[in-house]
Amino acid sequence: MRESFGQSLARRMALTAQYLGWTPDIFWAATPQECNAALTDPHAAEFDGGAPPITRSDVKNLLELENNG
């Protein structure tokens, strides 16, 4: 049986809190995406959802869009 999004999210949030040593302030300020990213191997062939990591140029483009939009 495949794990639901909610189950996956709860498991990853627990792992983030327990294994990364984040303080409660850091943990509660983090988004689910940040927790997921912190637990994902950046060198893995495929990330959850198949999305590659964001690059510096991606961030620059997003900031330009935000400033001009």
C-alpha atoms as a PDB file:
ATOM      1  CA  MET A   1       0.000   0.000   0.000  1.00  0.00           C
ATOM      2  CA  ARG A   2       1.348   3.398  -0.959  1.00  0.00           C
ATOM      3  CA  GLU A   3       1.869   5.984   1.753  1.00  0.00           C
ATOM      4  CA  SER A   4      -0.473   8.991   1.610  1.00  0.00           C
ATOM      5  CA  PHE A   5       0.852  12.533   1.387  1.00  0.00           C
ATOM      6  CA  GLY A   6      -0.208  13.208   4.984  1.00  0.00           C
ATOM      7  CA  GLN A   7       1.513  10.080   6.260  1.00  0.00           C
ATOM      8  CA  SER A   8       4.661  10.900   4.310  1.00  0.00           C
ATOM      9  CA  LEU A   9       4.629  14.470   5.570  1.00  0.00           C
ATOM     10  CA  ALA A  10       4.181  13.413   9.196  1.00  0.00           C
ATOM     11  CA  ARG A  11       7.019  10.882   8.903  1.00  0.00           C
ATOM     12  CA  ARG A  12       9.386  13.378   7.301  1.00  0.00           C
ATOM     13  CA  MET A  13       8.551  16.092   9.839  1.00  0.00           C
ATOM     14  CA  ALA A  14       9.308  13.645  12.674  1.00  0.00           C
ATOM     15  CA  LEU A  15      12.591  12.639  11.042  1.00  0.00           C
ATOM     16  CA  THR A  16      13.542  16.266  10.594  1.00  0.00           C
ATOM     17  CA  ALA A  17      12.887  17.066  14.230  1.00  0.00           C
ATOM     18  CA  GLN A  18      14.657  13.982  15.559  1.00  0.00           C
ATOM     19  CA  TYR A  19      17.681  13.490  13.324  1.00  0.00           C
ATOM     20  CA  LEU A  20      18.764  16.880  12.041  1.00  0.00           C
ATOM     21  CA  GLY A  21      19.108  18.418  15.479  1.00  0.00           C
ATOM     22  CA  TRP A  22      17.035  21.449  14.604  1.00  0.00           C
ATOM     23  CA  THR A  23      15.958  23.560  17.563  1.00  0.00           C
ATOM     24  CA  PRO A  24      12.184  23.911  18.058  1.00  0.00           C
ATOM     25  CA  ASP A  25      12.323  27.460  16.648  1.00  0.00           C
ATOM     26  CA  ILE A  26      14.004  26.279  13.449  1.00  0.00           C
ATOM     27  CA  PHE A  27      11.736  23.247  13.148  1.00  0.00           C
ATOM     28  CA  TRP A  28       8.480  25.169  13.556  1.00  0.00           C
ATOM     29  CA  ALA A  29       9.623  27.948  11.217  1.00  0.00           C
ATOM     30  CA  ALA A  30      10.435  25.445   8.435  1.00  0.00           C
ATOM     31  CA  THR A  31       7.973  24.623   5.698  1.00  0.00           C
ATOM     32  CA  PRO A  32       7.196  20.999   4.795  1.00  0.00           C
ATOM     33  CA  GLN A  33       9.189  21.548   1.586  1.00  0.00           C
ATOM     34  CA  GLU A  34      12.240  22.659   3.603  1.00  0.00           C
ATOM     35  CA  CYS A  35      11.970  19.598   5.842  1.00  0.00           C
ATOM     36  CA  ASN A  36      11.702  17.376   2.779  1.00  0.00           C
ATOM     37  CA  ALA A  37      14.699  19.065   1.155  1.00  0.00           C
ATOM     38  CA  ALA A  38      16.750  18.670   4.322  1.00  0.00           C
ATOM     39  CA  LEU A  39      16.093  14.918   4.248  1.00  0.00           C
ATOM     40  CA  THR A  40      16.657  14.410   0.514  1.00  0.00           C
ATOM     41  CA  ASP A  41      20.023  13.310  -0.815  1.00  0.00           C
ATOM     42  CA  PRO A  42      21.098  16.068  -3.230  1.00  0.00           C
ATOM     43  CA  HIS A  43      23.153  13.528  -5.158  1.00  0.00           C
ATOM     44  CA  ALA A  44      20.315  11.039  -5.634  1.00  0.00           C
ATOM     45  CA  ALA A  45      19.463  10.217  -9.227  1.00  0.00           C
ATOM     46  CA  GLU A  46      15.856  11.280  -8.766  1.00  0.00           C
ATOM     47  CA  PHE A  47      14.254  13.425  -6.095  1.00  0.00           C
ATOM     48  CA  ASP A  48      10.765  12.961  -4.676  1.00  0.00           C
ATOM     49  CA  GLY A  49       8.468  14.258  -7.380  1.00  0.00           C
ATOM     50  CA  GLY A  50      11.260  14.102  -9.957  1.00  0.00           C
ATOM     51  CA  ALA A  51      12.174  17.788  -9.613  1.00  0.00           C
ATOM     52  CA  PRO A  52      15.868  18.704  -9.786  1.00  0.00           C
ATOM     53  CA  PRO A  53      17.310  20.971  -7.101  1.00  0.00           C
ATOM     54  CA  ILE A  54      16.905  24.706  -7.586  1.00  0.00           C
ATOM     55  CA  THR A  55      19.992  26.444  -8.949  1.00  0.00           C
ATOM     56  CA  ARG A  56      21.451  29.859  -8.240  1.00  0.00           C
ATOM     57  CA  SER A  57      20.273  31.074 -11.652  1.00  0.00           C
ATOM     58  CA  ASP A  58      16.756  29.802 -10.864  1.00  0.00           C
ATOM     59  CA  VAL A  59      16.733  31.893  -7.685  1.00  0.00           C
ATOM     60  CA  LYS A  60      18.037  34.919  -9.590  1.00  0.00           C
ATOM     61  CA  ASN A  61      15.296  34.544 -12.215  1.00  0.00           C
ATOM     62  CA  LEU A  62      12.614  34.193  -9.541  1.00  0.00           C
ATOM     63  CA  LEU A  63      13.867  37.306  -7.749  1.00  0.00           C
ATOM     64  CA  GLU A  64      13.833  39.269 -11.006  1.00  0.00           C
ATOM     65  CA  LEU A  65      10.283  38.145 -11.701  1.00  0.00           C
ATOM     66  CA  GLU A  66       9.232  39.147  -8.191  1.00  0.00           C
ATOM     67  CA  ASN A  67      10.866  42.569  -8.472  1.00  0.00           C
ATOM     68  CA  ASN A  68       9.336  43.229 -11.908  1.00  0.00           C
ATOM     69  CA  GLY A  69       5.961  41.709 -11.343  1.00  0.00           C
END
